[in-house]
C-alpha atoms as a PDB file:
ATOM      1  CA  MET A   1      -4.909 -13.576  17.119  1.00  0.00           C
ATOM      2  CA  THR A   2      -6.247 -13.311  20.672  1.00  0.00           C
ATOM      3  CA  LYS A   3      -7.509  -9.744  21.023  1.00  0.00           C
ATOM      4  CA  LYS A   4      -8.091  -7.606  24.101  1.00  0.00           C
ATOM      5  CA  ALA A   5      -9.755  -4.203  24.096  1.00  0.00           C
ATOM      6  CA  GLY A   6      -7.485  -1.227  24.635  1.00  0.00           C
ATOM      7  CA  VAL A   7      -4.392  -3.038  23.375  1.00  0.00           C
ATOM      8  CA  CYS A   8      -2.434  -2.744  20.141  1.00  0.00           C
ATOM      9  CA  HIS A   9      -1.816  -6.330  19.028  1.00  0.00           C
ATOM     10  CA  ILE A  10       1.167  -7.263  16.867  1.00  0.00           C
ATOM     11  CA  LYS A  11       1.797 -10.700  15.392  1.00  0.00           C
ATOM     12  CA  PHE A  12       4.835 -11.790  13.404  1.00  0.00           C
ATOM     13  CA  TRP A  13       3.927 -13.946  10.403  1.00  0.00           C
ATOM     14  CA  GLY A  14       7.222 -13.662   8.508  1.00  0.00           C
ATOM     15  CA  VAL A  15      10.538 -12.407   9.894  1.00  0.00           C
ATOM     16  CA  ARG A  16      13.138 -13.614   7.375  1.00  0.00           C
ATOM     17  CA  GLY A  17      14.869 -11.511   4.738  1.00  0.00           C
ATOM     18  CA  SER A  18      15.688 -12.174   1.098  1.00  0.00           C
ATOM     19  CA  VAL A  19      14.354 -15.706   0.606  1.00  0.00           C
ATOM     20  CA  PRO A  20      12.269 -18.210   2.608  1.00  0.00           C
ATOM     21  CA  THR A  21      14.382 -20.607   4.662  1.00  0.00           C
ATOM     22  CA  PRO A  22      12.372 -23.637   5.793  1.00  0.00           C
ATOM     23  CA  GLY A  23      14.058 -26.438   7.713  1.00  0.00           C
ATOM     24  CA  ALA A  24      15.001 -27.792  11.111  1.00  0.00           C
ATOM     25  CA  ALA A  25      17.678 -25.141  11.687  1.00  0.00           C
ATOM     26  CA  THR A  26      15.193 -22.222  11.446  1.00  0.00           C
ATOM     27  CA  VAL A  27      12.101 -23.744  13.018  1.00  0.00           C
ATOM     28  CA  ARG A  28      12.186 -21.623  16.199  1.00  0.00           C
ATOM     29  CA  TYR A  29      12.480 -18.160  14.638  1.00  0.00           C
ATOM     30  CA  GLY A  30      10.810 -19.142  11.377  1.00  0.00           C
ATOM     31  CA  GLY A  31      11.614 -19.134   7.684  1.00  0.00           C
ATOM     32  CA  ASN A  32       8.836 -17.059   6.086  1.00  0.00           C
ATOM     33  CA  THR A  33       9.649 -13.652   4.610  1.00  0.00           C
ATOM     34  CA  SER A  34       8.411 -10.285   5.849  1.00  0.00           C
ATOM     35  CA  CYS A  35       4.840  -9.950   7.090  1.00  0.00           C
ATOM     36  CA  VAL A  36       3.591  -8.393  10.337  1.00  0.00           C
ATOM     37  CA  GLU A  37      -0.044  -7.990  11.437  1.00  0.00           C
ATOM     38  CA  VAL A  38      -1.178  -5.068  13.608  1.00  0.00           C
ATOM     39  CA  ARG A  39      -4.655  -4.872  15.175  1.00  0.00           C
ATOM     40  CA  ALA A  40      -5.505  -1.527  16.732  1.00  0.00           C
ATOM     41  CA  ASP A  41      -8.481   0.821  17.016  1.00  0.00           C
ATOM     42  CA  GLY A  42     -10.715  -1.532  15.031  1.00  0.00           C
ATOM     43  CA  GLU A  43      -8.271  -1.771  12.100  1.00  0.00           C
ATOM     44  CA  ILE A  44      -6.449  -4.730  10.591  1.00  0.00           C
ATOM     45  CA  ILE A  45      -3.153  -3.432   9.218  1.00  0.00           C
ATOM     46  CA  VAL A  46      -0.712  -5.781   7.528  1.00  0.00           C
ATOM     47  CA  LEU A  47       2.883  -4.711   6.966  1.00  0.00           C
ATOM     48  CA  ASP A  48       4.324  -6.280   3.799  1.00  0.00           C
ATOM     49  CA  ALA A  49       3.303  -9.367   1.867  1.00  0.00           C
ATOM     50  CA  GLY A  50       6.215 -11.765   2.008  1.00  0.00           C
ATOM     51  CA  THR A  51       5.487 -15.489   2.291  1.00  0.00           C
ATOM     52  CA  GLY A  52       4.259 -14.955   5.855  1.00  0.00           C
ATOM     53  CA  ILE A  53       1.045 -13.478   4.456  1.00  0.00           C
ATOM     54  CA  ARG A  54      -0.087 -16.929   3.332  1.00  0.00           C
ATOM     55  CA  PRO A  55      -0.551 -18.390   6.860  1.00  0.00           C
ATOM     56  CA  LEU A  56      -2.001 -15.017   7.934  1.00  0.00           C
ATOM     57  CA  GLY A  57      -4.630 -15.334   5.197  1.00  0.00           C
ATOM     58  CA  LEU A  58      -5.540 -18.839   6.316  1.00  0.00           C
ATOM     59  CA  GLU A  59      -5.927 -17.650   9.913  1.00  0.00           C
ATOM     60  CA  LEU A  60      -8.076 -14.645   8.888  1.00  0.00           C
ATOM     61  CA  ALA A  61     -10.362 -16.933   6.890  1.00  0.00           C
ATOM     62  CA  ARG A  62     -10.749 -19.196   9.916  1.00  0.00           C
ATOM     63  CA  GLU A  63     -11.315 -16.302  12.314  1.00  0.00           C
ATOM     64  CA  PHE A  64     -13.921 -14.465  10.208  1.00  0.00           C
ATOM     65  CA  ASP A  65     -15.624 -17.711   9.175  1.00  0.00           C
ATOM     66  CA  GLY A  66     -17.507 -16.294   6.179  1.00  0.00           C
ATOM     67  CA  ALA A  67     -17.868 -12.696   7.417  1.00  0.00           C
ATOM     68  CA  ALA A  68     -16.377  -9.904   5.320  1.00  0.00           C
ATOM     69  CA  ILE A  69     -12.757  -8.942   5.954  1.00  0.00           C
ATOM     70  CA  ASN A  70     -11.718  -5.300   5.581  1.00  0.00           C
ATOM     71  CA  MET A  71      -8.014  -4.642   5.931  1.00  0.00           C
ATOM     72  CA  THR A  72      -5.131  -2.427   4.833  1.00  0.00           C
ATOM     73  CA  LEU A  73      -1.869  -3.775   3.445  1.00  0.00           C
ATOM     74  CA  LEU A  74       1.107  -1.406   3.628  1.00  0.00           C
ATOM     75  CA  ILE A  75       3.958  -2.235   1.257  1.00  0.00           C
ATOM     76  CA  THR A  76       7.365  -0.851   2.224  1.00  0.00           C
ATOM     77  CA  HIS A  77       8.847  -1.646  -1.202  1.00  0.00           C
ATOM     78  CA  THR A  78       8.402  -4.193  -3.954  1.00  0.00           C
ATOM     79  CA  HIS A  79      11.498  -6.332  -3.604  1.00  0.00           C
ATOM     80  CA  TRP A  80      10.377  -9.908  -3.926  1.00  0.00           C
ATOM     81  CA  ASP A  81      10.643 -10.912  -0.255  1.00  0.00           C
ATOM     82  CA  HIS A  82       8.015  -8.246   0.542  1.00  0.00           C
ATOM     83  CA  ILE A  83       5.414  -9.141  -2.107  1.00  0.00           C
ATOM     84  CA  GLN A  84       5.940 -12.790  -3.069  1.00  0.00           C
ATOM     85  CA  GLY A  85       3.262 -14.119  -0.723  1.00  0.00           C
ATOM     86  CA  PHE A  86       0.428 -11.945  -2.053  1.00  0.00           C
ATOM     87  CA  PRO A  87      -0.659 -14.363  -4.822  1.00  0.00           C
ATOM     88  CA  PHE A  88      -1.280 -16.953  -2.081  1.00  0.00           C
ATOM     89  CA  PHE A  89      -3.307 -14.650   0.206  1.00  0.00           C
ATOM     90  CA  LEU A  90      -6.648 -16.448   0.582  1.00  0.00           C
ATOM     91  CA  PRO A  91      -8.834 -13.395   1.513  1.00  0.00           C
ATOM     92  CA  ALA A  92      -8.027 -11.870  -1.909  1.00  0.00           C
ATOM     93  CA  TYR A  93     -10.024 -14.700  -3.497  1.00  0.00           C
ATOM     94  CA  GLU A  94     -13.311 -13.898  -1.698  1.00  0.00           C
ATOM     95  CA  ARG A  95     -15.626 -11.296  -3.289  1.00  0.00           C
ATOM     96  CA  LYS A  96     -16.935 -10.017   0.036  1.00  0.00           C
ATOM     97  CA  ASN A  97     -13.474  -8.986   1.240  1.00  0.00           C
ATOM     98  CA  THR A  98     -11.864  -5.588   0.726  1.00  0.00           C
ATOM     99  CA  ILE A  99      -8.076  -5.375   0.675  1.00  0.00           C
ATOM    100  CA  ARG A 100      -6.636  -1.881   0.370  1.00  0.00           C
ATOM    101  CA  VAL A 101      -3.011  -1.999  -0.779  1.00  0.00           C
ATOM    102  CA  LEU A 102      -0.957   1.159  -0.164  1.00  0.00           C
ATOM    103  CA  GLY A 103       2.611   1.979  -1.154  1.00  0.00           C
ATOM    104  CA  PHE A 104       5.002   4.463  -2.720  1.00  0.00           C
ATOM    105  CA  GLU A 105       6.251   2.572  -5.769  1.00  0.00           C
ATOM    106  CA  GLY A 106       6.243   5.496  -8.206  1.00  0.00           C
ATOM    107  CA  ALA A 107       2.935   6.073  -9.966  1.00  0.00           C
ATOM    108  CA  ARG A 108      -0.091   4.034  -8.942  1.00  0.00           C
ATOM    109  CA  GLN A 109       0.242   2.087 -12.169  1.00  0.00           C
ATOM    110  CA  GLY A 110       3.826   1.204 -11.182  1.00  0.00           C
ATOM    111  CA  LEU A 111       2.824  -0.441  -7.893  1.00  0.00           C
ATOM    112  CA  ALA A 112      -0.079  -2.259  -9.524  1.00  0.00           C
ATOM    113  CA  SER A 113       2.021  -3.478 -12.448  1.00  0.00           C
ATOM    114  CA  THR A 114       4.745  -4.770 -10.121  1.00  0.00           C
ATOM    115  CA  LEU A 115       2.256  -6.737  -8.036  1.00  0.00           C
ATOM    116  CA  ALA A 116       0.560  -7.996 -11.197  1.00  0.00           C
ATOM    117  CA  GLY A 117       3.845  -8.856 -12.908  1.00  0.00           C
ATOM    118  CA  GLN A 118       4.704 -11.696 -10.532  1.00  0.00           C
ATOM    119  CA  MET A 119       1.270 -13.209 -11.253  1.00  0.00           C
ATOM    120  CA  GLU A 120       1.602 -13.178 -15.026  1.00  0.00           C
ATOM    121  CA  SER A 121       2.062 -16.360 -17.027  1.00  0.00           C
ATOM    122  CA  PRO A 122       4.432 -18.211 -16.973  1.00  0.00           C
ATOM    123  CA  TYR A 123       5.066 -17.319 -13.287  1.00  0.00           C
ATOM    124  CA  PHE A 124       1.599 -17.916 -11.852  1.00  0.00           C
ATOM    125  CA  PRO A 125      -1.665 -19.459 -13.099  1.00  0.00           C
ATOM    126  CA  ILE A 126      -4.034 -16.678 -11.906  1.00  0.00           C
ATOM    127  CA  ALA A 127      -3.678 -13.012 -12.860  1.00  0.00           C
ATOM    128  CA  LEU A 128      -4.067 -10.224 -10.314  1.00  0.00           C
ATOM    129  CA  GLN A 129      -7.115  -8.983 -12.238  1.00  0.00           C
ATOM    130  CA  GLN A 130      -8.732 -12.415 -11.802  1.00  0.00           C
ATOM    131  CA  MET A 131      -8.643 -12.275  -8.007  1.00  0.00           C
ATOM    132  CA  PRO A 132     -12.343 -12.161  -7.002  1.00  0.00           C
ATOM    133  CA  GLY A 133     -11.692 -10.081  -3.870  1.00  0.00           C
ATOM    134  CA  ASN A 134     -12.039  -6.316  -3.908  1.00  0.00           C
ATOM    135  CA  VAL A 135      -8.319  -5.490  -4.166  1.00  0.00           C
ATOM    136  CA  VAL A 136      -7.775  -1.720  -4.318  1.00  0.00           C
ATOM    137  CA  ILE A 137      -4.204  -0.592  -5.034  1.00  0.00           C
ATOM    138  CA  GLU A 138      -3.373   3.033  -4.253  1.00  0.00           C
ATOM    139  CA  GLU A 139      -0.241   5.149  -4.435  1.00  0.00           C
ATOM    140  CA  LEU A 140       0.200   7.147  -1.254  1.00  0.00           C
ATOM    141  CA  GLN A 141       0.460  10.870  -1.982  1.00  0.00           C
ATOM    142  CA  SER A 142       1.557  11.902   1.498  1.00  0.00           C
ATOM    143  CA  PHE A 143       3.944  10.627   4.142  1.00  0.00           C
ATOM    144  CA  ASP A 144       1.267  11.446   6.729  1.00  0.00           C
ATOM    145  CA  PHE A 145      -2.100   9.668   6.491  1.00  0.00           C
ATOM    146  CA  LYS A 146      -4.835   7.963   8.499  1.00  0.00           C
ATOM    147  CA  ILE A 147      -6.049   4.371   8.564  1.00  0.00           C
ATOM    148  CA  GLY A 148      -9.284   4.798  10.458  1.00  0.00           C
ATOM    149  CA  ALA A 149      -8.247   6.148  13.869  1.00  0.00           C
ATOM    150  CA  VAL A 150      -4.627   5.050  13.412  1.00  0.00           C
ATOM    151  CA  HIS A 151      -2.259   7.897  12.501  1.00  0.00           C
ATOM    152  CA  ALA A 152       0.336   6.570  10.054  1.00  0.00           C
ATOM    153  CA  THR A 153       3.507   8.264   8.883  1.00  0.00           C
ATOM    154  CA  ALA A 154       6.165   7.053   6.466  1.00  0.00           C
ATOM    155  CA  ALA A 155       9.837   7.858   5.940  1.00  0.00           C
ATOM    156  CA  THR A 156      12.265   6.947   3.190  1.00  0.00           C
ATOM    157  CA  VAL A 157      15.031   4.557   4.206  1.00  0.00           C
ATOM    158  CA  ASN A 158      18.545   3.770   2.992  1.00  0.00           C
ATOM    159  CA  HIS A 159      17.832   0.786   0.743  1.00  0.00           C
ATOM    160  CA  PRO A 160      18.160   0.297  -3.033  1.00  0.00           C
ATOM    161  CA  GLY A 161      15.126   1.536  -4.972  1.00  0.00           C
ATOM    162  CA  ILE A 162      12.041   3.168  -3.485  1.00  0.00           C
ATOM    163  CA  ALA A 163      11.674   1.941   0.100  1.00  0.00           C
ATOM    164  CA  VAL A 164      10.040   3.323   3.243  1.00  0.00           C
ATOM    165  CA  GLY A 165       9.416   2.549   6.872  1.00  0.00           C
ATOM    166  CA  TYR A 166       6.059   3.057   8.610  1.00  0.00           C
ATOM    167  CA  ARG A 167       5.167   4.503  12.018  1.00  0.00           C
ATOM    168  CA  LEU A 168       1.714   3.616  13.371  1.00  0.00           C
ATOM    169  CA  ALA A 169       0.437   5.741  16.246  1.00  0.00           C
ATOM    170  CA  THR A 170      -2.482   3.953  17.911  1.00  0.00           C
ATOM    171  CA  SER A 171      -4.510   4.775  21.001  1.00  0.00           C
ATOM    172  CA  ALA A 172      -2.479   2.165  22.917  1.00  0.00           C
ATOM    173  CA  GLY A 173       1.034   2.965  21.696  1.00  0.00           C
ATOM    174  CA  THR A 174       3.333   3.387  18.725  1.00  0.00           C
ATOM    175  CA  VAL A 175       4.802   0.769  16.396  1.00  0.00           C
ATOM    176  CA  VAL A 176       7.632   1.524  13.950  1.00  0.00           C
ATOM    177  CA  TYR A 177       8.371  -0.935  11.146  1.00  0.00           C
ATOM    178  CA  MET A 178      11.627  -0.519   9.171  1.00  0.00           C
ATOM    179  CA  PRO A 179      12.320  -3.951   7.649  1.00  0.00           C
ATOM    180  CA  ASP A 180      15.040  -2.850   5.189  1.00  0.00           C
ATOM    181  CA  ASN A 181      17.391  -0.064   6.212  1.00  0.00           C
ATOM    182  CA  GLU A 182      21.135   0.525   6.322  1.00  0.00           C
ATOM    183  CA  PRO A 183      22.306   3.205   8.767  1.00  0.00           C
ATOM    184  CA  PHE A 184      24.422   5.893   7.111  1.00  0.00           C
ATOM    185  CA  HIS A 185      28.156   6.030   7.858  1.00  0.00           C
ATOM    186  CA  GLU A 186      31.418   7.223   6.365  1.00  0.00           C
ATOM    187  CA  ASP A 187      32.252   3.979   4.533  1.00  0.00           C
ATOM    188  CA  GLN A 188      29.388   4.516   2.107  1.00  0.00           C
ATOM    189  CA  ASN A 189      30.691   6.162  -1.027  1.00  0.00           C
ATOM    190  CA  GLY A 190      29.681   9.754  -1.675  1.00  0.00           C
ATOM    191  CA  TYR A 191      28.362  10.517   1.828  1.00  0.00           C
ATOM    192  CA  ASP A 192      30.080  13.314   3.705  1.00  0.00           C
ATOM    193  CA  ARG A 193      29.819  13.653   7.485  1.00  0.00           C
ATOM    194  CA  GLU A 194      27.166  16.358   7.334  1.00  0.00           C
ATOM    195  CA  ARG A 195      24.865  14.234   5.181  1.00  0.00           C
ATOM    196  CA  ILE A 196      25.492  11.134   7.294  1.00  0.00           C
ATOM    197  CA  ASP A 197      24.582  12.961  10.517  1.00  0.00           C
ATOM    198  CA  LEU A 198      21.496  14.530   8.931  1.00  0.00           C
ATOM    199  CA  GLN A 199      20.139  11.228   7.609  1.00  0.00           C
ATOM    200  CA  ASN A 200      20.740   9.365  10.854  1.00  0.00           C
ATOM    201  CA  ARG A 201      19.075  12.170  12.831  1.00  0.00           C
ATOM    202  CA  LYS A 202      16.019  11.744  10.605  1.00  0.00           C
ATOM    203  CA  VAL A 203      15.893   8.033  11.457  1.00  0.00           C
ATOM    204  CA  ILE A 204      16.282   8.731  15.173  1.00  0.00           C
ATOM    205  CA  GLU A 205      13.472  11.288  15.032  1.00  0.00           C
ATOM    206  CA  PHE A 206      11.231   8.847  13.138  1.00  0.00           C
ATOM    207  CA  ILE A 207      11.654   6.079  15.714  1.00  0.00           C
ATOM    208  CA  LYS A 208      11.670   8.454  18.721  1.00  0.00           C
ATOM    209  CA  GLY A 209       9.844   7.058  21.738  1.00  0.00           C
ATOM    210  CA  ALA A 210       8.388   4.053  19.903  1.00  0.00           C
ATOM    211  CA  ASP A 211       6.867   1.389  22.122  1.00  0.00           C
ATOM    212  CA  VAL A 212       7.909  -1.241  19.580  1.00  0.00           C
ATOM    213  CA  LEU A 213      10.585  -0.887  16.885  1.00  0.00           C
ATOM    214  CA  ILE A 214      10.802  -3.683  14.305  1.00  0.00           C
ATOM    215  CA  ILE A 215      13.969  -3.044  12.317  1.00  0.00           C
ATOM    216  CA  ASP A 216      16.369  -4.593   9.828  1.00  0.00           C
ATOM    217  CA  SER A 217      19.238  -6.183  11.798  1.00  0.00           C
ATOM    218  CA  GLN A 218      20.447  -8.672   9.214  1.00  0.00           C
ATOM    219  CA  TYR A 219      24.198  -8.642   9.865  1.00  0.00           C
ATOM    220  CA  ASP A 220      26.607  -8.813  12.746  1.00  0.00           C
ATOM    221  CA  SER A 221      29.582  -6.448  12.634  1.00  0.00           C
ATOM    222  CA  ASP A 222      31.901  -8.927  10.895  1.00  0.00           C
ATOM    223  CA  GLU A 223      29.364  -9.713   8.174  1.00  0.00           C
ATOM    224  CA  TYR A 224      28.497  -6.080   7.675  1.00  0.00           C
ATOM    225  CA  SER A 225      32.069  -5.149   6.817  1.00  0.00           C
ATOM    226  CA  THR A 226      31.706  -7.128   3.567  1.00  0.00           C
ATOM    227  CA  HIS A 227      28.118  -6.021   2.855  1.00  0.00           C
ATOM    228  CA  ILE A 228      28.385  -2.240   3.056  1.00  0.00           C
ATOM    229  CA  GLY A 229      26.005  -0.634   0.604  1.00  0.00           C
ATOM    230  CA  TRP A 230      23.691  -3.642   0.330  1.00  0.00           C
ATOM    231  CA  GLY A 231      20.934  -1.763   2.154  1.00  0.00           C
ATOM    232  CA  HIS A 232      20.712  -3.788   5.356  1.00  0.00           C
ATOM    233  CA  GLY A 233      21.416  -3.137   9.013  1.00  0.00           C
ATOM    234  CA  CYS A 234      24.181  -4.125  11.388  1.00  0.00           C
ATOM    235  CA  VAL A 235      22.957  -5.165  14.829  1.00  0.00           C
ATOM    236  CA  ASP A 236      25.490  -2.955  16.650  1.00  0.00           C
ATOM    237  CA  GLU A 237      24.327   0.168  14.825  1.00  0.00           C
ATOM    238  CA  VAL A 238      20.662  -0.760  15.174  1.00  0.00           C
ATOM    239  CA  VAL A 239      21.008  -1.018  18.961  1.00  0.00           C
ATOM    240  CA  ARG A 240      22.740   2.374  19.027  1.00  0.00           C
ATOM    241  CA  LEU A 241      19.952   3.988  17.002  1.00  0.00           C
ATOM    242  CA  GLY A 242      17.315   2.384  19.219  1.00  0.00           C
ATOM    243  CA  MET A 243      18.922   3.765  22.365  1.00  0.00           C
ATOM    244  CA  LEU A 244      19.302   7.240  20.849  1.00  0.00           C
ATOM    245  CA  GLY A 245      15.651   7.077  19.836  1.00  0.00           C
ATOM    246  CA  GLU A 246      14.633   6.044  23.384  1.00  0.00           C
ATOM    247  CA  VAL A 247      12.785   3.024  22.048  1.00  0.00           C
ATOM    248  CA  LYS A 248      11.099   0.804  24.635  1.00  0.00           C
ATOM    249  CA  ARG A 249      11.241  -2.562  22.825  1.00  0.00           C
ATOM    250  CA  LEU A 250      13.524  -3.397  19.914  1.00  0.00           C
ATOM    251  CA  TYR A 251      12.825  -6.411  17.673  1.00  0.00           C
ATOM    252  CA  LEU A 252      15.665  -7.575  15.432  1.00  0.00           C
ATOM    253  CA  PHE A 253      14.094  -8.352  12.030  1.00  0.00           C
ATOM    254  CA  HIS A 254      14.859  -9.413   8.455  1.00  0.00           C
ATOM    255  CA  HIS A 255      16.957 -12.351   9.653  1.00  0.00           C
ATOM    256  CA  ASP A 256      19.613 -13.407   7.184  1.00  0.00           C
ATOM    257  CA  PRO A 257      18.743 -16.610   5.268  1.00  0.00           C
ATOM    258  CA  GLY A 258      22.121 -18.006   6.330  1.00  0.00           C
ATOM    259  CA  HIS A 259      21.430 -17.542  10.047  1.00  0.00           C
ATOM    260  CA  ASP A 260      20.066 -20.508  11.958  1.00  0.00           C
ATOM    261  CA  ASP A 261      18.297 -20.279  15.302  1.00  0.00           C
ATOM    262  CA  ALA A 262      21.541 -20.551  17.280  1.00  0.00           C
ATOM    263  CA  ARG A 263      23.109 -17.689  15.312  1.00  0.00           C
ATOM    264  CA  ILE A 264      20.106 -15.445  15.966  1.00  0.00           C
ATOM    265  CA  ASP A 265      20.246 -16.357  19.667  1.00  0.00           C
ATOM    266  CA  ALA A 266      23.864 -15.173  19.723  1.00  0.00           C
ATOM    267  CA  MET A 267      22.972 -11.900  17.997  1.00  0.00           C
ATOM    268  CA  VAL A 268      20.205 -11.229  20.533  1.00  0.00           C
ATOM    269  CA  GLU A 269      22.587 -11.916  23.424  1.00  0.00           C
ATOM    270  CA  HIS A 270      25.147  -9.529  21.908  1.00  0.00           C
ATOM    271  CA  ALA A 271      22.498  -6.845  21.324  1.00  0.00           C
ATOM    272  CA  ARG A 272      21.286  -7.110  24.919  1.00  0.00           C
ATOM    273  CA  LYS A 273      24.817  -6.589  26.208  1.00  0.00           C
ATOM    274  CA  LEU A 274      25.117  -3.460  24.064  1.00  0.00           C
ATOM    275  CA  ALA A 275      21.768  -2.174  25.368  1.00  0.00           C
ATOM    276  CA  LYS A 276      22.436  -2.989  29.023  1.00  0.00           C
ATOM    277  CA  GLY A 277      21.504  -0.128  31.326  1.00  0.00           C
ATOM    278  CA  SER A 278      19.589   1.777  28.650  1.00  0.00           C
ATOM    279  CA  GLY A 279      16.138   0.530  29.658  1.00  0.00           C
ATOM    280  CA  MET A 280      15.508  -0.728  26.126  1.00  0.00           C
ATOM    281  CA  GLU A 281      14.396  -4.356  25.870  1.00  0.00           C
ATOM    282  CA  VAL A 282      15.797  -6.347  22.949  1.00  0.00           C
ATOM    283  CA  TYR A 283      14.286  -9.387  21.248  1.00  0.00           C
ATOM    284  CA  ALA A 284      14.505 -11.165  17.911  1.00  0.00           C
ATOM    285  CA  ALA A 285      11.261 -11.251  15.949  1.00  0.00           C
ATOM    286  CA  LYS A 286       9.906 -14.789  15.983  1.00  0.00           C
ATOM    287  CA  GLU A 287       7.339 -16.189  13.563  1.00  0.00           C
ATOM    288  CA  GLY A 288       4.011 -16.789  15.327  1.00  0.00           C
ATOM    289  CA  GLU A 289       4.842 -14.566  18.310  1.00  0.00           C
ATOM    290  CA  GLU A 290       2.199 -12.089  19.505  1.00  0.00           C
ATOM    291  CA  VAL A 291       3.135  -8.787  21.145  1.00  0.00           C
ATOM    292  CA  GLY A 292       0.729  -6.475  22.934  1.00  0.00           C
ATOM    293  CA  ILE A 293       1.037  -2.799  23.770  1.00  0.00           C
ATOM    294  CA  ALA A 294      -1.306  -2.060  26.683  1.00  0.00           C
ATOM    295  CA  ASP A 295      -3.421   1.079  26.713  1.00  0.00           C
ATOM    296  CA  CYS A 296      -1.755   3.747  28.846  1.00  0.00           C
END
């Protein structure tokens, strides 16, 4: 990643949801699952370890060229599309490197055992404990914590199991990452209007004023009507939340495995029409794309 002082750098390494989707129809937006790199205030922060973490690892090895890598990996939740790339993360196989893995998956042993489970025989030839790198797995005890000079906060999201989003406040600006989240509404069983309004206000407060919001926008409105309760976002509702939260740049994320590049183009065009006049810029996250937030 090309770095410039005083800027928060973001690079998308995996933007797809559920399952990798390689092929000619997805080549422009990419087929790797969730992984985003943030460089700010001297820290390397990686958001999720889907299959996109493999090319990230190769690039880090090239960039550091034998020097030690110290980084933090934040796991939003342990569904497979957010951890399946970790066994292929090259820096974890170098003794000089330190990889701090943080998450909220129950007890510390729970997060560690989930990451280790996908590397057990017969699924994978090398166990997590055999990785030569200094891999430190920790359960976060607070929703408010520091990564060096970066102030991080977390919030639970509406998604099956234990899942969170992260807000990273850097000296150059704020990034919010919510890769799996379904906005609350009256069609979800058991939710009364008071609870719906309360939960959505919490989301709006969490994303408030973000320079960059990377958020689950898997479905269009027609698709969402048959996927209520699956834990994923509808682009119409995501745009509404972004505008209410006065977000500067919105990145549609967690692209459906059934959506080709043309379908994502159409969703971006629709989202931009919905956001017209709000001042919020709308994009679709694209594998390999770099985004910078300039120091104010």
